[in-house]
N, C-alpha and C. Protein backbone atom coordinates (compact mmCIF):
# COMPACT_ATOMS: atom_id res chain seq x y z
N MET A 1 9.85 28.88 -5.66
CA MET A 1 10.81 27.98 -5.69
C MET A 1 10.38 26.31 -4.49
N LYS A 2 10.30 27.46 -3.53
CA LYS A 2 10.40 26.77 -2.23
C LYS A 2 8.95 26.11 -2.10
N LYS A 3 8.22 26.77 -2.12
CA LYS A 3 6.64 25.87 -2.17
C LYS A 3 6.25 25.48 -3.17
N THR A 4 7.36 25.14 -4.18
CA THR A 4 7.18 23.66 -5.57
C THR A 4 8.13 22.64 -4.38
N LEU A 5 9.37 22.58 -3.61
CA LEU A 5 9.72 22.06 -3.43
C LEU A 5 8.69 21.37 -2.19
N ILE A 6 8.20 22.11 -1.42
CA ILE A 6 7.44 21.12 -0.22
C ILE A 6 5.98 20.66 -1.15
N LEU A 7 5.55 21.24 -1.72
CA LEU A 7 4.41 20.36 -2.63
C LEU A 7 4.85 19.31 -3.24
N LEU A 8 6.00 19.13 -4.07
CA LEU A 8 6.81 17.70 -4.38
C LEU A 8 6.98 16.69 -3.17
N LEU A 9 7.98 17.47 -1.75
CA LEU A 9 7.88 16.47 -1.06
C LEU A 9 6.77 15.92 -0.33
N VAL A 10 5.63 16.98 -0.27
CA VAL A 10 4.32 16.04 -0.07
C VAL A 10 3.71 15.02 -0.41
N LEU A 11 3.59 15.50 -2.11
CA LEU A 11 2.92 14.53 -3.16
C LEU A 11 3.65 13.64 -3.09
N LEU A 12 5.20 13.02 -3.01
CA LEU A 12 5.94 12.09 -2.67
C LEU A 12 6.05 11.23 -1.40
N SER A 13 5.43 12.01 -0.46
CA SER A 13 5.21 11.59 0.81
C SER A 13 4.17 10.29 0.39
N LEU A 14 2.69 11.03 0.30
CA LEU A 14 1.85 10.49 -0.33
C LEU A 14 1.72 9.23 -0.81
N ILE A 15 2.68 9.34 -1.77
CA ILE A 15 2.68 8.29 -3.23
C ILE A 15 3.22 6.97 -2.70
N LEU A 16 4.28 7.62 -1.68
CA LEU A 16 5.07 6.32 -0.69
C LEU A 16 3.77 5.65 0.31
N ALA A 17 3.90 6.43 0.80
CA ALA A 17 2.14 6.03 1.56
C ALA A 17 1.17 5.33 1.10
N GLY A 18 1.02 5.68 -0.24
CA GLY A 18 0.13 4.73 -0.82
C GLY A 18 0.56 3.41 -1.32
N CYS A 19 1.50 3.48 -1.63
CA CYS A 19 2.18 2.07 -2.19
C CYS A 19 2.54 1.31 -0.79
N ALA A 20 2.57 1.37 -0.20
CA ALA A 20 2.86 0.75 1.11
C ALA A 20 1.49 0.07 1.65
N THR A 21 0.38 1.43 1.64
CA THR A 21 -0.89 0.82 2.10
C THR A 21 -1.33 -0.66 1.28
N PHE A 22 -0.86 -0.27 -0.08
CA PHE A 22 -1.92 -1.56 -1.34
C PHE A 22 -1.03 -2.42 -0.89
N HIS A 23 0.15 -2.32 -0.65
CA HIS A 23 1.54 -3.92 -0.55
C HIS A 23 1.00 -4.16 0.73
N GLY A 24 0.22 -3.73 1.60
CA GLY A 24 0.01 -4.35 2.76
C GLY A 24 -1.65 -4.61 2.74
N LEU A 25 -2.12 -4.17 1.70
CA LEU A 25 -3.63 -4.86 1.37
C LEU A 25 -3.69 -5.80 1.00
N GLY A 26 -2.61 -6.04 -0.65
CA GLY A 26 -2.58 -7.61 -1.04
C GLY A 26 -2.00 -8.42 -0.16
N ARG A 27 -1.30 -8.42 0.64
CA ARG A 27 -0.77 -9.62 1.33
C ARG A 27 -2.07 -9.72 2.61
N ASP A 28 -2.60 -8.68 3.10
CA ASP A 28 -3.60 -9.36 3.85
C ASP A 28 -4.65 -9.89 3.04
N ILE A 29 -4.84 -9.49 1.45
CA ILE A 29 -5.88 -10.82 0.48
C ILE A 29 -5.44 -11.77 0.48
N GLU A 30 -4.24 -12.08 0.05
CA GLU A 30 -3.37 -12.97 -0.08
C GLU A 30 -3.06 -14.13 1.30
N LYS A 31 -3.49 -13.52 1.86
CA LYS A 31 -3.33 -14.83 3.61
C LYS A 31 -4.73 -14.87 3.45
N ALA A 32 -5.38 -14.12 3.50
CA ALA A 32 -6.96 -14.90 4.02
C ALA A 32 -7.63 -15.84 2.11
N GLY A 33 -7.36 -15.44 1.22
CA GLY A 33 -7.10 -16.58 0.28
C GLY A 33 -6.56 -17.57 0.07
N ASN A 34 -4.96 -17.87 1.00
CA ASN A 34 -4.85 -18.93 0.98
C ASN A 34 -5.65 -19.55 2.74
N TRP A 35 -6.07 -19.17 3.53
CA TRP A 35 -6.96 -19.54 4.72
C TRP A 35 -8.07 -19.96 3.99
N ILE A 36 -8.36 -19.89 3.14
CA ILE A 36 -9.67 -19.95 2.56
C ILE A 36 -9.88 -21.50 2.17
N GLN A 37 -8.47 -21.24 1.40
CA GLN A 37 -8.33 -22.18 0.56
C GLN A 37 -7.93 -23.26 1.34
N GLN A 38 -7.33 -23.64 2.30
CA GLN A 38 -6.76 -24.37 3.37
C GLN A 38 -8.00 -25.26 3.88
N LYS A 39 -9.08 -24.17 4.20
CA LYS A 39 -10.36 -24.67 4.90
C LYS A 39 -11.29 -25.32 3.32
N SER A 40 -11.25 -25.38 2.64
CA SER A 40 -11.62 -25.73 1.63
C SER A 40 -11.49 -27.08 1.46
N ASP A 41 -10.48 -27.51 1.81
CA ASP A 41 -9.53 -28.98 1.53
C ASP A 41 -9.96 -30.15 2.31
């Protein structure tokens, strides 16, 4: 039971960290796209 709970907490933390990383990556890509669009105008 204790091992299962620890494994679940580790997996949950990895999933949350991954979501934060992809969210940040999406914002960076969006900023780069906006910069390219401004330079092309």
